[in-house]
């Protein structure tokens, strides 16, 4: 059991936890904005897989990870545009449309990858690391937490940005009203449809970047169904965080630690049945739902289409 407390195991575990947490964090922050505005964005998994594929293709042919992230965000927002059009503008069922988009895009990206690369799986070079001076030299914690691609630090900084938006800006208040009392927001002269559309587009962009990170930095390649339910974990994080971005970060790190356990154990030479380790993320989800699910504060109008001018 001493292997669990070795520097090698702890470093690999923490590094893997951060790497696995970033896609969940980006998806969770995006989903949180959608839910605040009253849109249950079940299609976020489809937005992530689209961002992963387009982001990988962009990085592969351009040789730039940043172009890959931009392409991934564009792909996610393209799917979000369709989601906003069907669910926000036309008022169709958000759950049905979200599931349909996810299933359709999982198949489409797999088909496109097959046509483009056949049975090969080209890899990207290792992502450039940006160490934080002094902090990166701390034993165990330094290599694990402070030697990552720049996008990791930007994703964590987004937590602070989202807190500021929700608490200090008029747009944050509009989001809250669109989810809780959209009729009151309409009476105040604010376009509920536009507010919800912006929130859904933001979700798509964040999910797309998360998918691009997963493929380009986390794995270094694209394989069909690479997201493996990460978008749905993002929905769980957004619901359990009760509107607090910090709790999305905490939850993402917990799930990321569970997901990275397999790799950390292999690096440290610890023999644990793979099936047992692969159950950990799902056990963590169930435990969090049992402990905090009943206290999850969801907007009153979540999932309910709004018709402009209705009371």
Protein backbone atom coordinates (compact mmCIF):
# COMPACT_ATOMS: atom_id res chain seq x y z
CA UNK A 1 0.00 0.00 0.00
CA UNK A 2 3.01 2.26 0.34
CA UNK A 3 2.85 2.86 -3.39
CA UNK A 4 -0.24 5.00 -2.93
CA UNK A 5 1.82 7.53 -0.99
CA UNK A 6 4.85 7.60 -3.25
CA UNK A 7 5.83 10.81 -5.00
CA UNK A 8 5.45 9.10 -8.37
CA UNK A 9 1.86 8.04 -7.70
CA UNK A 10 0.77 11.35 -6.19
CA UNK A 11 2.35 13.39 -8.99
CA UNK A 12 0.77 11.23 -11.68
CA UNK A 13 -2.59 11.28 -9.91
CA UNK A 14 -2.70 15.07 -9.50
CA UNK A 15 -1.38 15.76 -12.99
CA UNK A 16 -3.92 13.37 -14.48
CA UNK A 17 -6.68 14.85 -12.34
CA UNK A 18 -6.03 18.33 -13.72
CA UNK A 19 -5.78 17.06 -17.30
CA UNK A 20 -9.05 15.13 -17.01
CA UNK A 21 -10.79 17.93 -15.10
CA UNK A 22 -10.33 20.70 -17.68
CA UNK A 23 -12.84 19.37 -20.24
CA UNK A 24 -15.33 18.78 -17.41
CA UNK A 25 -14.71 22.25 -16.02
CA UNK A 26 -15.26 23.95 -19.37
CA UNK A 27 -18.38 21.91 -20.09
CA UNK A 28 -19.71 22.49 -16.57
CA UNK A 29 -19.18 26.25 -16.69
CA UNK A 30 -20.88 26.44 -20.07
CA UNK A 31 -23.81 24.29 -18.97
CA UNK A 32 -24.18 26.36 -15.83
CA UNK A 33 -24.83 29.48 -17.88
CA UNK A 34 -27.41 27.68 -20.02
CA UNK A 35 -29.21 26.39 -16.96
CA UNK A 36 -29.16 29.79 -15.31
CA UNK A 37 -30.95 31.11 -18.38
CA UNK A 38 -33.51 28.29 -18.25
CA UNK A 39 -32.17 26.00 -21.00
CA UNK A 40 -31.35 22.38 -20.16
CA UNK A 41 -28.63 21.76 -22.72
CA UNK A 42 -28.59 17.97 -23.03
CA UNK A 43 -26.86 18.39 -26.39
CA UNK A 44 -23.61 19.46 -24.73
CA UNK A 45 -22.13 16.00 -25.33
CA UNK A 46 -22.68 16.47 -29.06
CA UNK A 47 -21.08 19.92 -28.86
CA UNK A 48 -18.03 18.43 -27.14
CA UNK A 49 -17.54 15.62 -29.66
CA UNK A 50 -17.91 18.10 -32.52
CA UNK A 51 -15.36 20.41 -30.90
CA UNK A 52 -13.02 17.46 -30.39
CA UNK A 53 -13.16 16.40 -34.03
CA UNK A 54 -13.01 19.85 -35.64
CA UNK A 55 -10.44 21.02 -33.09
CA UNK A 56 -8.23 18.03 -33.85
CA UNK A 57 -8.52 18.53 -37.61
CA UNK A 58 -7.72 22.22 -37.21
CA UNK A 59 -4.65 21.54 -35.08
CA UNK A 60 -3.50 18.64 -37.26
CA UNK A 61 -3.51 20.55 -40.54
CA UNK A 62 -2.41 23.94 -39.18
CA UNK A 63 0.19 22.71 -36.72
CA UNK A 64 -1.19 25.11 -34.10
CA UNK A 65 -2.99 24.06 -30.93
CA UNK A 66 -4.57 27.51 -30.65
CA UNK A 67 -6.12 27.21 -34.09
CA UNK A 68 -7.39 23.85 -32.92
CA UNK A 69 -9.05 25.45 -29.87
CA UNK A 70 -10.60 28.18 -32.01
CA UNK A 71 -11.87 25.59 -34.49
CA UNK A 72 -13.25 23.50 -31.63
CA UNK A 73 -15.08 26.51 -30.20
CA UNK A 74 -16.51 27.29 -33.64
CA UNK A 75 -17.69 23.69 -34.03
CA UNK A 76 -19.35 23.68 -30.64
CA UNK A 77 -21.05 27.01 -31.33
CA UNK A 78 -22.33 25.73 -34.69
CA UNK A 79 -24.12 22.89 -32.91
CA UNK A 80 -25.31 25.31 -30.23
CA UNK A 81 -26.79 27.53 -32.94
CA UNK A 82 -28.94 24.63 -34.07
CA UNK A 83 -29.91 23.89 -30.48
CA UNK A 84 -30.85 27.52 -29.87
CA UNK A 85 -32.84 27.71 -33.08
CA UNK A 86 -34.88 24.59 -32.38
CA UNK A 87 -35.33 24.85 -28.62
CA UNK A 88 -35.12 28.55 -27.77
CA UNK A 89 -36.59 30.10 -30.89
CA UNK A 90 -39.09 27.40 -31.90
CA UNK A 91 -39.71 26.02 -28.39
CA UNK A 92 -39.13 22.33 -29.16
CA UNK A 93 -38.44 19.85 -26.36
CA UNK A 94 -34.94 20.50 -25.05
CA UNK A 95 -34.30 16.93 -23.87
CA UNK A 96 -35.41 15.28 -27.12
CA UNK A 97 -33.46 17.71 -29.31
CA UNK A 98 -30.38 17.46 -27.10
CA UNK A 99 -30.32 13.66 -27.22
CA UNK A 100 -30.93 13.68 -30.97
CA UNK A 101 -28.04 16.10 -31.55
CA UNK A 102 -25.71 14.04 -29.38
CA UNK A 103 -26.50 10.73 -31.06
CA UNK A 104 -26.38 12.24 -34.53
CA UNK A 105 -23.08 14.03 -34.02
CA UNK A 106 -21.40 11.04 -32.40
CA UNK A 107 -22.20 9.07 -35.54
CA UNK A 108 -21.32 11.92 -37.90
CA UNK A 109 -17.89 12.60 -36.38
CA UNK A 110 -17.08 8.87 -36.44
CA UNK A 111 -18.09 8.71 -40.11
CA UNK A 112 -16.11 11.82 -41.04
CA UNK A 113 -13.04 10.50 -39.24
CA UNK A 114 -13.32 7.20 -41.11
CA UNK A 115 -13.57 8.93 -44.49
CA UNK A 116 -10.71 11.31 -43.70
CA UNK A 117 -8.21 9.04 -41.97
CA UNK A 118 -9.60 5.57 -42.74
CA UNK A 119 -8.40 3.19 -40.02
CA UNK A 120 -5.37 5.28 -39.04
CA UNK A 121 -5.22 7.50 -35.97
CA UNK A 122 -2.65 10.25 -36.58
CA UNK A 123 -1.23 11.85 -33.46
CA UNK A 124 -0.32 15.42 -32.61
CA UNK A 125 3.01 16.35 -31.02
CA UNK A 126 3.06 16.89 -27.29
CA UNK A 127 1.44 20.15 -26.24
CA UNK A 128 3.75 22.96 -25.17
CA UNK A 129 3.91 23.34 -21.40
CA UNK A 130 3.94 26.73 -19.64
CA UNK A 131 5.51 26.29 -16.18
CA UNK A 132 4.69 28.87 -13.53
CA UNK A 133 7.95 30.24 -12.09
CA UNK A 134 8.80 29.13 -8.53
CA UNK A 135 5.53 27.23 -8.07
CA UNK A 136 6.52 24.66 -10.68
CA UNK A 137 9.60 23.77 -8.62
CA UNK A 138 7.61 22.62 -5.57
CA UNK A 139 8.08 18.86 -5.07
CA UNK A 140 5.09 16.75 -6.19
CA UNK A 141 2.70 19.72 -6.45
CA UNK A 142 4.86 21.71 -8.84
CA UNK A 143 5.06 19.20 -11.71
CA UNK A 144 1.45 18.13 -11.12
CA UNK A 145 -0.32 21.47 -10.88
CA UNK A 146 1.90 24.17 -12.35
CA UNK A 147 3.33 22.67 -15.55
CA UNK A 148 0.46 22.59 -18.01
CA UNK A 149 -0.59 24.11 -21.31
CA UNK A 150 -1.65 27.75 -21.05
CA UNK A 151 -5.28 26.82 -21.78
CA UNK A 152 -5.42 25.07 -18.39
CA UNK A 153 -4.69 28.29 -16.50
CA UNK A 154 -7.15 30.20 -18.67
CA UNK A 155 -9.86 27.62 -17.94
CA UNK A 156 -9.31 27.97 -14.19
CA UNK A 157 -9.31 31.77 -14.52
CA UNK A 158 -12.73 31.48 -16.20
CA UNK A 159 -14.13 30.48 -12.82
CA UNK A 160 -13.34 33.95 -11.49
CA UNK A 161 -14.68 35.56 -14.65
CA UNK A 162 -17.97 33.68 -14.34
CA UNK A 163 -18.33 34.69 -10.67
CA UNK A 164 -17.88 38.32 -11.67
CA UNK A 165 -20.38 38.03 -14.54
CA UNK A 166 -23.06 36.46 -12.35
CA UNK A 167 -22.65 38.80 -9.39
CA UNK A 168 -21.48 42.11 -10.83
CA UNK A 169 -23.01 42.56 -14.28
CA UNK A 170 -26.43 43.33 -15.68
CA UNK A 171 -26.10 40.36 -18.01
CA UNK A 172 -25.70 38.07 -15.01
CA UNK A 173 -28.93 39.43 -13.55
CA UNK A 174 -30.66 38.95 -16.89
CA UNK A 175 -29.53 35.33 -16.98
CA UNK A 176 -30.92 34.73 -13.50
CA UNK A 177 -34.24 36.30 -14.43
CA UNK A 178 -34.46 34.37 -17.71
CA UNK A 179 -34.22 31.14 -15.73
CA UNK A 180 -36.37 32.06 -12.73
CA UNK A 181 -38.95 34.57 -13.99
CA UNK A 182 -38.69 35.04 -17.76
CA UNK A 183 -42.04 36.85 -17.89
CA UNK A 184 -40.73 39.51 -15.50
CA UNK A 185 -37.64 39.94 -17.65
CA UNK A 186 -39.87 40.33 -20.70
CA UNK A 187 -41.93 42.99 -18.93
CA UNK A 188 -38.72 44.86 -18.12
CA UNK A 189 -38.02 45.14 -21.84
CA UNK A 190 -35.22 42.55 -22.01
CA UNK A 191 -35.40 40.02 -24.83
CA UNK A 192 -35.63 36.60 -23.15
CA UNK A 193 -35.03 34.74 -26.40
CA UNK A 194 -31.84 36.68 -27.07
CA UNK A 195 -30.58 36.19 -23.51
CA UNK A 196 -31.14 32.44 -23.67
CA UNK A 197 -29.60 32.23 -27.13
CA UNK A 198 -26.41 33.95 -25.98
CA UNK A 199 -26.21 31.53 -23.04
CA UNK A 200 -26.60 28.49 -25.31
CA UNK A 201 -23.96 29.80 -27.74
CA UNK A 202 -21.57 30.36 -24.85
CA UNK A 203 -22.19 26.79 -23.73
CA UNK A 204 -21.38 25.53 -27.21
CA UNK A 205 -18.14 27.49 -27.36
CA UNK A 206 -16.99 26.26 -23.94
CA UNK A 207 -17.95 22.66 -24.71
CA UNK A 208 -16.16 22.86 -28.05
CA UNK A 209 -12.96 24.09 -26.42
CA UNK A 210 -13.30 21.33 -23.82
CA UNK A 211 -13.61 18.74 -26.56
CA UNK A 212 -10.65 20.18 -28.46
CA UNK A 213 -8.56 20.10 -25.28
CA UNK A 214 -9.56 16.49 -24.67
CA UNK A 215 -8.46 15.42 -28.15
CA UNK A 216 -5.45 17.69 -28.72
CA UNK A 217 -3.85 17.98 -25.29
CA UNK A 218 -5.32 15.15 -23.25
CA UNK A 219 -5.07 12.36 -25.83
CA UNK A 220 -3.09 13.83 -28.71
CA UNK A 221 -5.43 12.21 -31.21
CA UNK A 222 -9.10 11.87 -32.11
CA UNK A 223 -10.96 8.60 -31.82
CA UNK A 224 -14.72 8.20 -32.28
CA UNK A 225 -16.72 8.71 -29.07
CA UNK A 226 -13.65 10.16 -27.36
CA UNK A 227 -15.75 12.30 -24.99
CA UNK A 228 -17.17 9.14 -23.38
CA UNK A 229 -19.91 10.96 -21.47
CA UNK A 230 -17.86 13.98 -20.39
CA UNK A 231 -20.66 16.31 -21.47
CA UNK A 232 -23.16 14.51 -19.27
CA UNK A 233 -20.76 14.78 -16.33
CA UNK A 234 -20.65 18.51 -17.06
CA UNK A 235 -24.45 18.62 -16.72
CA UNK A 236 -24.23 16.88 -13.34
CA UNK A 237 -21.56 19.33 -12.18
CA UNK A 238 -23.63 22.34 -13.25
CA UNK A 239 -26.71 21.07 -11.44
CA UNK A 240 -24.93 20.18 -8.22
CA UNK A 241 -22.92 23.43 -8.14
CA UNK A 242 -26.15 25.39 -7.48
CA UNK A 243 -25.05 28.35 -9.57
CA UNK A 244 -21.58 28.60 -8.01
CA UNK A 245 -18.70 28.30 -10.51
CA UNK A 246 -16.22 27.40 -7.75
CA UNK A 247 -18.13 24.21 -7.03
CA UNK A 248 -17.96 23.29 -10.70
CA UNK A 249 -14.17 23.46 -10.37
CA UNK A 250 -14.16 21.38 -7.19
CA UNK A 251 -16.43 18.75 -8.70
CA UNK A 252 -14.39 18.62 -11.91
CA UNK A 253 -11.22 17.95 -9.92
CA UNK A 254 -12.92 15.16 -7.96
CA UNK A 255 -14.16 13.47 -11.12
CA UNK A 256 -10.80 14.12 -12.79
CA UNK A 257 -9.01 12.38 -9.94
CA UNK A 258 -11.26 9.35 -10.36
CA UNK A 259 -10.65 9.28 -14.11
CA UNK A 260 -6.87 9.55 -13.70
CA UNK A 261 -6.59 6.78 -11.13
CA UNK A 262 -5.90 4.10 -13.74
CA UNK A 263 -2.97 5.92 -15.32
CA UNK A 264 -1.52 6.93 -11.96
CA UNK A 265 -1.64 3.37 -10.68
CA UNK A 266 0.10 2.09 -13.82
CA UNK A 267 2.83 4.73 -13.58
CA UNK A 268 3.47 3.83 -9.93
CA UNK A 269 3.39 0.10 -10.65
CA UNK A 270 0.35 -0.52 -8.44
CA UNK A 271 -1.79 -3.46 -9.49
CA UNK A 272 -5.51 -2.71 -9.23
CA UNK A 273 -8.20 -4.34 -11.39
CA UNK A 274 -9.02 -1.95 -14.23
CA UNK A 275 -12.75 -2.59 -13.87
CA UNK A 276 -12.66 -1.41 -10.26
CA UNK A 277 -10.93 1.85 -11.16
CA UNK A 278 -13.23 2.52 -14.10
CA UNK A 279 -16.20 2.38 -11.73
CA UNK A 280 -14.87 5.23 -9.60
CA UNK A 281 -16.22 8.18 -11.67
CA UNK A 282 -19.69 6.67 -11.71
CA UNK A 283 -19.57 5.90 -8.01
CA UNK A 284 -18.51 9.49 -7.40
CA UNK A 285 -21.46 10.75 -9.48
CA UNK A 286 -23.93 8.60 -7.54
CA UNK A 287 -22.43 9.63 -4.20
CA UNK A 288 -22.65 13.33 -5.06
CA UNK A 289 -26.22 12.96 -6.30
CA UNK A 290 -27.22 11.21 -3.07
CA UNK A 291 -25.44 13.75 -0.85
CA UNK A 292 -26.23 16.97 -2.68
CA UNK A 293 -28.88 16.20 -5.31
CA UNK A 294 -31.85 17.17 -3.16
CA UNK A 295 -30.30 20.52 -2.34
CA UNK A 296 -29.47 21.37 -5.94
CA UNK A 297 -31.14 24.70 -6.61
CA UNK A 298 -32.41 24.71 -10.19
CA UNK A 299 -34.10 27.66 -11.94
CA UNK A 300 -37.89 27.60 -11.82
CA UNK A 301 -38.25 27.82 -15.61
CA UNK A 302 -35.47 25.33 -16.45
CA UNK A 303 -36.37 23.33 -19.54
CA UNK A 304 -39.58 25.30 -20.18
CA UNK A 305 -39.72 27.09 -23.57
CA UNK A 306 -40.65 30.75 -23.37
CA UNK A 307 -43.03 32.44 -25.77
CA UNK A 308 -42.33 36.15 -26.11
CA UNK A 309 -45.11 38.25 -24.68
CA UNK A 310 -46.62 35.36 -22.69
CA UNK A 311 -47.51 35.94 -19.03
